């Protein structure tokens, strides 16, 4: 039992039982149990490279972890993912563009 979660395996089925205490109830009542999300305003390339593909379109809603684009740098393809939530307002690059850091 770790972090208040007990995992049971019965007849080849797995069940997770969560036990909450008074501190968990207090944290939930204060709204502190949900992760804080930040709005993404602009995406900057972490390194210079060439844009292989853009995975989003203008007007599309994005969540944390959604793939935004694929960047090729140093002969490796890197998928850049959203670190916040929001709606795509504009896309200033297209596939095959070269970007700086």
PDB file of N, CA and C in Angstrom:
ATOM      1  N   UNK A   1       0.856  -1.179   0.000  1.00  0.00           N
ATOM      2  CA  UNK A   1       0.000   0.000   0.000  1.00  0.00           C
ATOM      3  C   UNK A   1       0.895   1.233   0.000  1.00  0.00           C
ATOM      4  N   UNK A   2       0.863   1.946  -1.103  1.00  0.00           N
ATOM      5  CA  UNK A   2       1.713   3.114  -1.266  1.00  0.00           C
ATOM      6  C   UNK A   2       0.862   4.304  -1.657  1.00  0.00           C
ATOM      7  N   UNK A   3       1.056   5.436  -1.001  1.00  0.00           N
ATOM      8  CA  UNK A   3       0.328   6.668  -1.282  1.00  0.00           C
ATOM      9  C   UNK A   3      -1.184   6.485  -1.150  1.00  0.00           C
ATOM     10  N   UNK A   4      -1.634   5.637  -0.245  1.00  0.00           N
ATOM     11  CA  UNK A   4      -3.057   5.450  -0.021  1.00  0.00           C
ATOM     12  C   UNK A   4      -3.749   4.611  -1.073  1.00  0.00           C
ATOM     13  N   UNK A   5      -3.004   3.909  -1.922  1.00  0.00           N
ATOM     14  CA  UNK A   5      -3.604   3.070  -2.962  1.00  0.00           C
ATOM     15  C   UNK A   5      -3.223   1.613  -2.706  1.00  0.00           C
ATOM     16  N   UNK A   6      -4.236   0.760  -2.660  1.00  0.00           N
ATOM     17  CA  UNK A   6      -4.029  -0.666  -2.468  1.00  0.00           C
ATOM     18  C   UNK A   6      -4.411  -1.372  -3.768  1.00  0.00           C
ATOM     19  N   UNK A   7      -3.520  -2.188  -4.305  1.00  0.00           N
ATOM     20  CA  UNK A   7      -3.780  -2.913  -5.546  1.00  0.00           C
ATOM     21  C   UNK A   7      -4.075  -4.367  -5.209  1.00  0.00           C
ATOM     22  N   UNK A   8      -5.241  -4.847  -5.646  1.00  0.00           N
ATOM     23  CA  UNK A   8      -5.652  -6.226  -5.409  1.00  0.00           C
ATOM     24  C   UNK A   8      -5.740  -6.967  -6.733  1.00  0.00           C
ATOM     25  N   UNK A   9      -5.277  -8.224  -6.749  1.00  0.00           N
ATOM     26  CA  UNK A   9      -5.383  -9.056  -7.945  1.00  0.00           C
ATOM     27  C   UNK A   9      -6.206 -10.270  -7.576  1.00  0.00           C
ATOM     28  N   UNK A  10      -7.403 -10.378  -8.182  1.00  0.00           N
ATOM     29  CA  UNK A  10      -8.324 -11.472  -7.916  1.00  0.00           C
ATOM     30  C   UNK A  10      -8.751 -12.106  -9.228  1.00  0.00           C
ATOM     31  N   UNK A  11      -8.532 -13.391  -9.362  1.00  0.00           N
ATOM     32  CA  UNK A  11      -8.956 -14.119 -10.566  1.00  0.00           C
ATOM     33  C   UNK A  11      -8.498 -13.430 -11.849  1.00  0.00           C
ATOM     34  N   UNK A  12      -7.240 -13.071 -11.914  1.00  0.00           N
ATOM     35  CA  UNK A  12      -6.624 -12.439 -13.077  1.00  0.00           C
ATOM     36  C   UNK A  12      -7.194 -11.055 -13.395  1.00  0.00           C
ATOM     37  N   UNK A  13      -7.852 -10.433 -12.432  1.00  0.00           N
ATOM     38  CA  UNK A  13      -8.345  -9.061 -12.584  1.00  0.00           C
ATOM     39  C   UNK A  13      -7.662  -8.191 -11.542  1.00  0.00           C
ATOM     40  N   UNK A  14      -7.334  -6.971 -11.919  1.00  0.00           N
ATOM     41  CA  UNK A  14      -6.632  -6.061 -11.020  1.00  0.00           C
ATOM     42  C   UNK A  14      -7.581  -4.939 -10.594  1.00  0.00           C
ATOM     43  N   UNK A  15      -7.652  -4.714  -9.276  1.00  0.00           N
ATOM     44  CA  UNK A  15      -8.483  -3.656  -8.711  1.00  0.00           C
ATOM     45  C   UNK A  15      -7.596  -2.727  -7.896  1.00  0.00           C
ATOM     46  N   UNK A  16      -7.867  -1.432  -7.989  1.00  0.00           N
ATOM     47  CA  UNK A  16      -7.160  -0.464  -7.163  1.00  0.00           C
ATOM     48  C   UNK A  16      -8.154   0.190  -6.219  1.00  0.00           C
ATOM     49  N   UNK A  17      -7.821   0.168  -4.931  1.00  0.00           N
ATOM     50  CA  UNK A  17      -8.666   0.758  -3.910  1.00  0.00           C
ATOM     51  C   UNK A  17      -7.898   1.924  -3.315  1.00  0.00           C
ATOM     52  N   UNK A  18      -8.538   3.094  -3.286  1.00  0.00           N
ATOM     53  CA  UNK A  18      -7.878   4.274  -2.759  1.00  0.00           C
ATOM     54  C   UNK A  18      -8.510   4.651  -1.421  1.00  0.00           C
ATOM     55  N   UNK A  19      -7.653   4.857  -0.445  1.00  0.00           N
ATOM     56  CA  UNK A  19      -8.109   5.246   0.879  1.00  0.00           C
ATOM     57  C   UNK A  19      -7.758   6.708   1.087  1.00  0.00           C
ATOM     58  N   UNK A  20      -8.755   7.492   1.437  1.00  0.00           N
ATOM     59  CA  UNK A  20      -8.524   8.905   1.692  1.00  0.00           C
ATOM     60  C   UNK A  20      -8.634   9.192   3.177  1.00  0.00           C
ATOM     61  N   UNK A  21      -7.836  10.100   3.632  1.00  0.00           N
ATOM     62  CA  UNK A  21      -7.862  10.475   5.034  1.00  0.00           C
ATOM     63  C   UNK A  21      -8.363  11.898   5.197  1.00  0.00           C
ATOM     64  N   UNK A  22      -8.372  12.401   6.429  1.00  0.00           N
ATOM     65  CA  UNK A  22      -8.859  13.762   6.677  1.00  0.00           C
ATOM     66  C   UNK A  22      -8.029  14.832   5.954  1.00  0.00           C
ATOM     67  N   UNK A  23      -6.733  14.600   5.843  1.00  0.00           N
ATOM     68  CA  UNK A  23      -5.885  15.561   5.137  1.00  0.00           C
ATOM     69  C   UNK A  23      -6.228  15.594   3.647  1.00  0.00           C
ATOM     70  N   UNK A  24      -6.507  14.419   3.061  1.00  0.00           N
ATOM     71  CA  UNK A  24      -6.906  14.364   1.646  1.00  0.00           C
ATOM     72  C   UNK A  24      -8.211  15.123   1.419  1.00  0.00           C
ATOM     73  N   UNK A  25      -9.161  14.999   2.346  1.00  0.00           N
ATOM     74  CA  UNK A  25     -10.440  15.705   2.230  1.00  0.00           C
ATOM     75  C   UNK A  25     -10.239  17.217   2.320  1.00  0.00           C
ATOM     76  N   UNK A  26      -9.362  17.672   3.221  1.00  0.00           N
ATOM     77  CA  UNK A  26      -9.081  19.093   3.370  1.00  0.00           C
ATOM     78  C   UNK A  26      -8.435  19.650   2.097  1.00  0.00           C
ATOM     79  N   UNK A  27      -7.473  18.926   1.551  1.00  0.00           N
ATOM     80  CA  UNK A  27      -6.790  19.362   0.330  1.00  0.00           C
ATOM     81  C   UNK A  27      -7.790  19.460  -0.822  1.00  0.00           C
ATOM     82  N   UNK A  28      -8.693  18.477  -0.934  1.00  0.00           N
ATOM     83  CA  UNK A  28      -9.702  18.493  -2.000  1.00  0.00           C
ATOM     84  C   UNK A  28     -10.685  19.649  -1.812  1.00  0.00           C
ATOM     85  N   UNK A  29     -11.084  19.923  -0.572  1.00  0.00           N
ATOM     86  CA  UNK A  29     -12.049  21.003  -0.330  1.00  0.00           C
ATOM     87  C   UNK A  29     -11.451  22.367  -0.641  1.00  0.00           C
ATOM     88  N   UNK A  30     -10.135  22.501  -0.531  1.00  0.00           N
ATOM     89  CA  UNK A  30      -9.460  23.754  -0.865  1.00  0.00           C
ATOM     90  C   UNK A  30      -9.131  23.857  -2.355  1.00  0.00           C
ATOM     91  N   UNK A  31      -9.374  22.785  -3.092  1.00  0.00           N
ATOM     92  CA  UNK A  31      -9.104  22.780  -4.533  1.00  0.00           C
ATOM     93  C   UNK A  31      -7.644  22.614  -4.867  1.00  0.00           C
ATOM     94  N   UNK A  32      -6.859  22.114  -3.935  1.00  0.00           N
ATOM     95  CA  UNK A  32      -5.422  21.974  -4.151  1.00  0.00           C
ATOM     96  C   UNK A  32      -5.038  20.594  -4.678  1.00  0.00           C
ATOM     97  N   UNK A  33      -6.016  19.739  -4.964  1.00  0.00           N
ATOM     98  CA  UNK A  33      -5.728  18.393  -5.444  1.00  0.00           C
ATOM     99  C   UNK A  33      -5.617  18.317  -6.965  1.00  0.00           C
ATOM    100  N   UNK A  34      -5.936  19.403  -7.649  1.00  0.00           N
ATOM    101  CA  UNK A  34      -5.858  19.415  -9.110  1.00  0.00           C
ATOM    102  C   UNK A  34      -4.554  20.080  -9.539  1.00  0.00           C
ATOM    103  N   UNK A  35      -3.904  19.549 -10.582  1.00  0.00           N
ATOM    104  CA  UNK A  35      -2.651  20.170 -11.029  1.00  0.00           C
ATOM    105  C   UNK A  35      -2.907  21.554 -11.614  1.00  0.00           C
ATOM    106  N   UNK A  36      -1.986  22.458 -11.380  1.00  0.00           N
ATOM    107  CA  UNK A  36      -2.104  23.814 -11.904  1.00  0.00           C
ATOM    108  C   UNK A  36      -1.659  23.808 -13.365  1.00  0.00           C
ATOM    109  N   UNK A  37      -2.530  24.281 -14.235  1.00  0.00           N
ATOM    110  CA  UNK A  37      -2.234  24.327 -15.662  1.00  0.00           C
ATOM    111  C   UNK A  37      -1.935  25.761 -16.067  1.00  0.00           C
ATOM    112  N   UNK A  38      -0.959  25.915 -16.910  1.00  0.00           N
ATOM    113  CA  UNK A  38      -0.654  27.247 -17.407  1.00  0.00           C
ATOM    114  C   UNK A  38      -1.037  27.337 -18.874  1.00  0.00           C
ATOM    115  N   UNK A  39      -1.385  28.542 -19.283  1.00  0.00           N
ATOM    116  CA  UNK A  39      -1.743  28.758 -20.685  1.00  0.00           C
ATOM    117  C   UNK A  39      -0.477  28.970 -21.494  1.00  0.00           C
ATOM    118  N   UNK A  40      -0.428  28.319 -22.618  1.00  0.00           N
ATOM    119  CA  UNK A  40       0.711  28.421 -23.518  1.00  0.00           C
ATOM    120  C   UNK A  40       0.521  29.644 -24.408  1.00  0.00           C
ATOM    121  N   UNK A  41       1.495  30.529 -24.459  1.00  0.00           N
ATOM    122  CA  UNK A  41       1.377  31.723 -25.289  1.00  0.00           C
ATOM    123  C   UNK A  41       2.186  31.599 -26.575  1.00  0.00           C
ATOM    124  N   UNK A  42       3.375  31.023 -26.471  1.00  0.00           N
ATOM    125  CA  UNK A  42       4.245  30.920 -27.643  1.00  0.00           C
ATOM    126  C   UNK A  42       5.169  29.726 -27.439  1.00  0.00           C
ATOM    127  N   UNK A  43       5.447  29.022 -28.518  1.00  0.00           N
ATOM    128  CA  UNK A  43       6.361  27.880 -28.455  1.00  0.00           C
ATOM    129  C   UNK A  43       7.674  28.281 -29.107  1.00  0.00           C
ATOM    130  N   UNK A  44       8.766  28.089 -28.387  1.00  0.00           N
ATOM    131  CA  UNK A  44      10.091  28.379 -28.943  1.00  0.00           C
ATOM    132  C   UNK A  44      10.854  27.077 -29.075  1.00  0.00           C
ATOM    133  N   UNK A  45      11.601  26.957 -30.146  1.00  0.00           N
ATOM    134  CA  UNK A  45      12.390  25.747 -30.391  1.00  0.00           C
ATOM    135  C   UNK A  45      13.490  25.627 -29.338  1.00  0.00           C
ATOM    136  N   UNK A  46      13.670  24.440 -28.761  1.00  0.00           N
ATOM    137  CA  UNK A  46      14.726  24.263 -27.765  1.00  0.00           C
ATOM    138  C   UNK A  46      16.118  24.205 -28.387  1.00  0.00           C
ATOM    139  N   UNK A  47      16.173  24.014 -29.721  1.00  0.00           N
ATOM    140  CA  UNK A  47      17.446  23.935 -30.432  1.00  0.00           C
ATOM    141  C   UNK A  47      17.204  24.278 -31.896  1.00  0.00           C
ATOM    142  N   UNK A  48      18.221  24.716 -32.609  1.00  0.00           N
ATOM    143  CA  UNK A  48      18.026  24.977 -34.039  1.00  0.00           C
ATOM    144  C   UNK A  48      17.756  23.672 -34.789  1.00  0.00           C
ATOM    145  N   UNK A  49      16.939  23.754 -35.815  1.00  0.00           N
ATOM    146  CA  UNK A  49      16.644  22.554 -36.590  1.00  0.00           C
ATOM    147  C   UNK A  49      15.680  22.836 -37.720  1.00  0.00           C
ATOM    148  N   UNK A  50      15.196  21.768 -38.329  1.00  0.00           N
ATOM    149  CA  UNK A  50      14.261  21.857 -39.456  1.00  0.00           C
ATOM    150  C   UNK A  50      12.933  21.250 -39.035  1.00  0.00           C
ATOM    151  N   UNK A  51      11.851  21.943 -39.331  1.00  0.00           N
ATOM    152  CA  UNK A  51      10.514  21.462 -38.994  1.00  0.00           C
ATOM    153  C   UNK A  51      10.140  20.361 -39.979  1.00  0.00           C
ATOM    154  N   UNK A  52       9.885  19.178 -39.454  1.00  0.00           N
ATOM    155  CA  UNK A  52       9.501  18.042 -40.301  1.00  0.00           C
ATOM    156  C   UNK A  52       8.002  18.065 -40.555  1.00  0.00           C
ATOM    157  N   UNK A  53       7.224  18.268 -39.502  1.00  0.00           N
ATOM    158  CA  UNK A  53       5.772  18.312 -39.657  1.00  0.00           C
ATOM    159  C   UNK A  53       5.148  19.123 -38.525  1.00  0.00           C
ATOM    160  N   UNK A  54       3.979  19.695 -38.815  1.00  0.00           N
ATOM    161  CA  UNK A  54       3.203  20.433 -37.818  1.00  0.00           C
ATOM    162  C   UNK A  54       1.959  19.597 -37.525  1.00  0.00           C
ATOM    163  N   UNK A  55       1.722  19.295 -36.251  1.00  0.00           N
ATOM    164  CA  UNK A  55       0.643  18.371 -35.877  1.00  0.00           C
ATOM    165  C   UNK A  55      -0.643  19.071 -35.461  1.00  0.00           C
ATOM    166  N   UNK A  56      -0.666  20.396 -35.469  1.00  0.00           N
ATOM    167  CA  UNK A  56      -1.861  21.122 -35.046  1.00  0.00           C
ATOM    168  C   UNK A  56      -2.322  22.064 -36.157  1.00  0.00           C
ATOM    169  N   UNK A  57      -3.557  22.549 -36.007  1.00  0.00           N
ATOM    170  CA  UNK A  57      -4.128  23.495 -36.966  1.00  0.00           C
ATOM    171  C   UNK A  57      -4.656  24.699 -36.194  1.00  0.00           C
ATOM    172  N   UNK A  58      -4.807  25.818 -36.875  1.00  0.00           N
ATOM    173  CA  UNK A  58      -5.360  27.009 -36.248  1.00  0.00           C
ATOM    174  C   UNK A  58      -6.783  26.703 -35.768  1.00  0.00           C
ATOM    175  N   UNK A  59      -7.074  27.110 -34.523  1.00  0.00           N
ATOM    176  CA  UNK A  59      -8.396  26.870 -33.942  1.00  0.00           C
ATOM    177  C   UNK A  59      -8.494  25.596 -33.131  1.00  0.00           C
ATOM    178  N   UNK A  60      -7.470  24.769 -33.181  1.00  0.00           N
ATOM    179  CA  UNK A  60      -7.486  23.490 -32.476  1.00  0.00           C
ATOM    180  C   UNK A  60      -7.195  23.694 -30.986  1.00  0.00           C
ATOM    181  N   UNK A  61      -7.944  23.015 -30.128  1.00  0.00           N
ATOM    182  CA  UNK A  61      -7.685  23.052 -28.685  1.00  0.00           C
ATOM    183  C   UNK A  61      -6.585  22.058 -28.360  1.00  0.00           C
ATOM    184  N   UNK A  62      -5.679  22.462 -27.473  1.00  0.00           N
ATOM    185  CA  UNK A  62      -4.593  21.564 -27.080  1.00  0.00           C
ATOM    186  C   UNK A  62      -4.579  21.399 -25.567  1.00  0.00           C
ATOM    187  N   UNK A  63      -4.133  20.237 -25.152  1.00  0.00           N
ATOM    188  CA  UNK A  63      -3.995  19.901 -23.732  1.00  0.00           C
ATOM    189  C   UNK A  63      -2.532  19.587 -23.463  1.00  0.00           C
ATOM    190  N   UNK A  64      -2.178  19.480 -22.204  1.00  0.00           N
ATOM    191  CA  UNK A  64      -0.804  19.151 -21.820  1.00  0.00           C
ATOM    192  C   UNK A  64      -0.418  17.806 -22.430  1.00  0.00           C
ATOM    193  N   UNK A  65       0.737  17.766 -23.091  1.00  0.00           N
ATOM    194  CA  UNK A  65       1.248  16.532 -23.674  1.00  0.00           C
ATOM    195  C   UNK A  65       0.859  16.284 -25.113  1.00  0.00           C
ATOM    196  N   UNK A  66      -0.018  17.113 -25.681  1.00  0.00           N
ATOM    197  CA  UNK A  66      -0.387  16.946 -27.087  1.00  0.00           C
ATOM    198  C   UNK A  66       0.815  17.276 -27.980  1.00  0.00           C
ATOM    199  N   UNK A  67       1.083  16.470 -29.005  1.00  0.00           N
ATOM    200  CA  UNK A  67       2.190  16.785 -29.919  1.00  0.00           C
ATOM    201  C   UNK A  67       1.855  18.021 -30.749  1.00  0.00           C
ATOM    202  N   UNK A  68       2.823  18.940 -30.860  1.00  0.00           N
ATOM    203  CA  UNK A  68       2.615  20.167 -31.625  1.00  0.00           C
ATOM    204  C   UNK A  68       3.324  20.121 -32.965  1.00  0.00           C
ATOM    205  N   UNK A  69       4.601  19.720 -32.938  1.00  0.00           N
ATOM    206  CA  UNK A  69       5.351  19.615 -34.184  1.00  0.00           C
ATOM    207  C   UNK A  69       6.534  18.686 -33.997  1.00  0.00           C
ATOM    208  N   UNK A  70       7.103  18.280 -35.124  1.00  0.00           N
ATOM    209  CA  UNK A  70       8.295  17.434 -35.106  1.00  0.00           C
ATOM    210  C   UNK A  70       9.445  18.259 -35.654  1.00  0.00           C
ATOM    211  N   UNK A  71      10.530  18.296 -34.896  1.00  0.00           N
ATOM    212  CA  UNK A  71      11.706  19.088 -35.243  1.00  0.00           C
ATOM    213  C   UNK A  71      12.890  18.149 -35.431  1.00  0.00           C
ATOM    214  N   UNK A  72      13.568  18.277 -36.573  1.00  0.00           N
ATOM    215  CA  UNK A  72      14.758  17.466 -36.824  1.00  0.00           C
ATOM    216  C   UNK A  72      15.984  18.304 -36.487  1.00  0.00           C
ATOM    217  N   UNK A  73      16.776  17.803 -35.548  1.00  0.00           N
ATOM    218  CA  UNK A  73      17.994  18.502 -35.129  1.00  0.00           C
ATOM    219  C   UNK A  73      19.073  17.462 -34.884  1.00  0.00           C
ATOM    220  N   UNK A  74      20.247  17.698 -35.391  1.00  0.00           N
ATOM    221  CA  UNK A  74      21.386  16.785 -35.230  1.00  0.00           C
ATOM    222  C   UNK A  74      21.022  15.352 -35.647  1.00  0.00           C
ATOM    223  N   UNK A  75      20.331  15.235 -36.782  1.00  0.00           N
ATOM    224  CA  UNK A  75      19.929  13.953 -37.374  1.00  0.00           C
ATOM    225  C   UNK A  75      18.999  13.141 -36.489  1.00  0.00           C
ATOM    226  N   UNK A  76      18.289  13.805 -35.584  1.00  0.00           N
ATOM    227  CA  UNK A  76      17.296  13.146 -34.729  1.00  0.00           C
ATOM    228  C   UNK A  76      15.984  13.910 -34.828  1.00  0.00           C
ATOM    229  N   UNK A  77      14.869  13.187 -34.825  1.00  0.00           N
ATOM    230  CA  UNK A  77      13.561  13.830 -34.844  1.00  0.00           C
ATOM    231  C   UNK A  77      13.049  13.950 -33.416  1.00  0.00           C
ATOM    232  N   UNK A  78      12.667  15.164 -33.032  1.00  0.00           N
ATOM    233  CA  UNK A  78      12.158  15.434 -31.694  1.00  0.00           C
ATOM    234  C   UNK A  78      10.729  15.928 -31.801  1.00  0.00           C
ATOM    235  N   UNK A  79       9.823  15.313 -31.059  1.00  0.00           N
ATOM    236  CA  UNK A  79       8.430  15.752 -31.040  1.00  0.00           C
ATOM    237  C   UNK A  79       8.293  16.759 -29.904  1.00  0.00           C
ATOM    238  N   UNK A  80       7.895  17.987 -30.252  1.00  0.00           N
ATOM    239  CA  UNK A  80       7.671  19.004 -29.233  1.00  0.00           C
ATOM    240  C   UNK A  80       6.216  18.921 -28.799  1.00  0.00           C
ATOM    241  N   UNK A  81       6.008  18.804 -27.485  1.00  0.00           N
ATOM    242  CA  UNK A  81       4.665  18.629 -26.935  1.00  0.00           C
ATOM    243  C   UNK A  81       4.254  19.857 -26.145  1.00  0.00           C
ATOM    244  N   UNK A  82       2.948  20.044 -26.022  1.00  0.00           N
ATOM    245  CA  UNK A  82       2.405  21.190 -25.298  1.00  0.00           C
ATOM    246  C   UNK A  82       2.692  21.056 -23.811  1.00  0.00           C
ATOM    247  N   UNK A  83       3.111  22.156 -23.214  1.00  0.00           N
ATOM    248  CA  UNK A  83       3.368  22.187 -21.779  1.00  0.00           C
ATOM    249  C   UNK A  83       2.236  22.888 -21.041  1.00  0.00           C
ATOM    250  N   UNK A  84       1.220  23.311 -21.770  1.00  0.00           N
ATOM    251  CA  UNK A  84       0.078  23.997 -21.179  1.00  0.00           C
ATOM    252  C   UNK A  84      -1.164  23.737 -22.005  1.00  0.00           C
ATOM    253  N   UNK A  85      -2.234  24.436 -21.683  1.00  0.00           N
ATOM    254  CA  UNK A  85      -3.492  24.279 -22.403  1.00  0.00           C
ATOM    255  C   UNK A  85      -3.784  25.545 -23.187  1.00  0.00           C
ATOM    256  N   UNK A  86      -4.612  25.435 -24.218  1.00  0.00           N
ATOM    257  CA  UNK A  86      -4.992  26.607 -24.987  1.00  0.00           C
ATOM    258  C   UNK A  86      -5.592  26.250 -26.321  1.00  0.00           C
ATOM    259  N   UNK A  87      -5.779  27.274 -27.144  1.00  0.00           N
ATOM    260  CA  UNK A  87      -6.301  27.128 -28.500  1.00  0.00           C
ATOM    261  C   UNK A  87      -5.273  27.758 -29.439  1.00  0.00           C
ATOM    262  N   UNK A  88      -4.957  27.067 -30.524  1.00  0.00           N
ATOM    263  CA  UNK A  88      -3.971  27.560 -31.488  1.00  0.00           C
ATOM    264  C   UNK A  88      -4.565  28.756 -32.223  1.00  0.00           C
ATOM    265  N   UNK A  89      -3.911  29.923 -32.090  1.00  0.00           N
ATOM    266  CA  UNK A  89      -4.390  31.144 -32.753  1.00  0.00           C
ATOM    267  C   UNK A  89      -3.698  31.371 -34.083  1.00  0.00           C
ATOM    268  N   UNK A  90      -2.413  31.039 -34.166  1.00  0.00           N
ATOM    269  CA  UNK A  90      -1.663  31.248 -35.406  1.00  0.00           C
ATOM    270  C   UNK A  90      -0.489  30.278 -35.442  1.00  0.00           C
ATOM    271  N   UNK A  91      -0.077  29.934 -36.658  1.00  0.00           N
ATOM    272  CA  UNK A  91       1.098  29.092 -36.860  1.00  0.00           C
ATOM    273  C   UNK A  91       2.031  29.866 -37.793  1.00  0.00           C
ATOM    274  N   UNK A  92       3.209  30.216 -37.272  1.00  0.00           N
ATOM    275  CA  UNK A  92       4.134  31.069 -38.024  1.00  0.00           C
ATOM    276  C   UNK A  92       5.137  30.283 -38.860  1.00  0.00           C
ATOM    277  N   UNK A  93       5.110  28.964 -38.776  1.00  0.00           N
ATOM    278  CA  UNK A  93       6.051  28.134 -39.534  1.00  0.00           C
ATOM    279  C   UNK A  93       5.278  27.076 -40.304  1.00  0.00           C
ATOM    280  N   UNK A  94       5.978  26.406 -41.197  1.00  0.00           N
ATOM    281  CA  UNK A  94       5.390  25.284 -41.926  1.00  0.00           C
ATOM    282  C   UNK A  94       6.453  24.212 -42.082  1.00  0.00           C
ATOM    283  N   UNK A  95       6.070  23.067 -42.574  1.00  0.00           N
ATOM    284  CA  UNK A  95       7.005  21.957 -42.759  1.00  0.00           C
ATOM    285  C   UNK A  95       8.152  22.397 -43.658  1.00  0.00           C
ATOM    286  N   UNK A  96       9.340  21.914 -43.351  1.00  0.00           N
ATOM    287  CA  UNK A  96      10.599  22.183 -44.056  1.00  0.00           C
ATOM    288  C   UNK A  96      11.229  23.532 -43.705  1.00  0.00           C
ATOM    289  N   UNK A  97      10.603  24.350 -42.863  1.00  0.00           N
ATOM    290  CA  UNK A  97      11.222  25.604 -42.426  1.00  0.00           C
ATOM    291  C   UNK A  97      12.386  25.302 -41.477  1.00  0.00           C
ATOM    292  N   UNK A  98      13.402  26.140 -41.516  1.00  0.00           N
ATOM    293  CA  UNK A  98      14.525  26.032 -40.592  1.00  0.00           C
ATOM    294  C   UNK A  98      14.307  27.065 -39.492  1.00  0.00           C
ATOM    295  N   UNK A  99      14.431  26.624 -38.237  1.00  0.00           N
ATOM    296  CA  UNK A  99      14.199  27.518 -37.096  1.00  0.00           C
ATOM    297  C   UNK A  99      15.450  27.627 -36.235  1.00  0.00           C
ATOM    298  N   UNK A 100      15.586  28.763 -35.564  1.00  0.00           N
ATOM    299  CA  UNK A 100      16.675  28.988 -34.615  1.00  0.00           C
ATOM    300  C   UNK A 100      16.173  28.705 -33.217  1.00  0.00           C
ATOM    301  N   UNK A 101      17.115  28.646 -32.295  1.00  0.00           N
ATOM    302  CA  UNK A 101      16.775  28.414 -30.897  1.00  0.00           C
ATOM    303  C   UNK A 101      16.015  29.589 -30.344  1.00  0.00           C
TER     304      UNK A 101
END
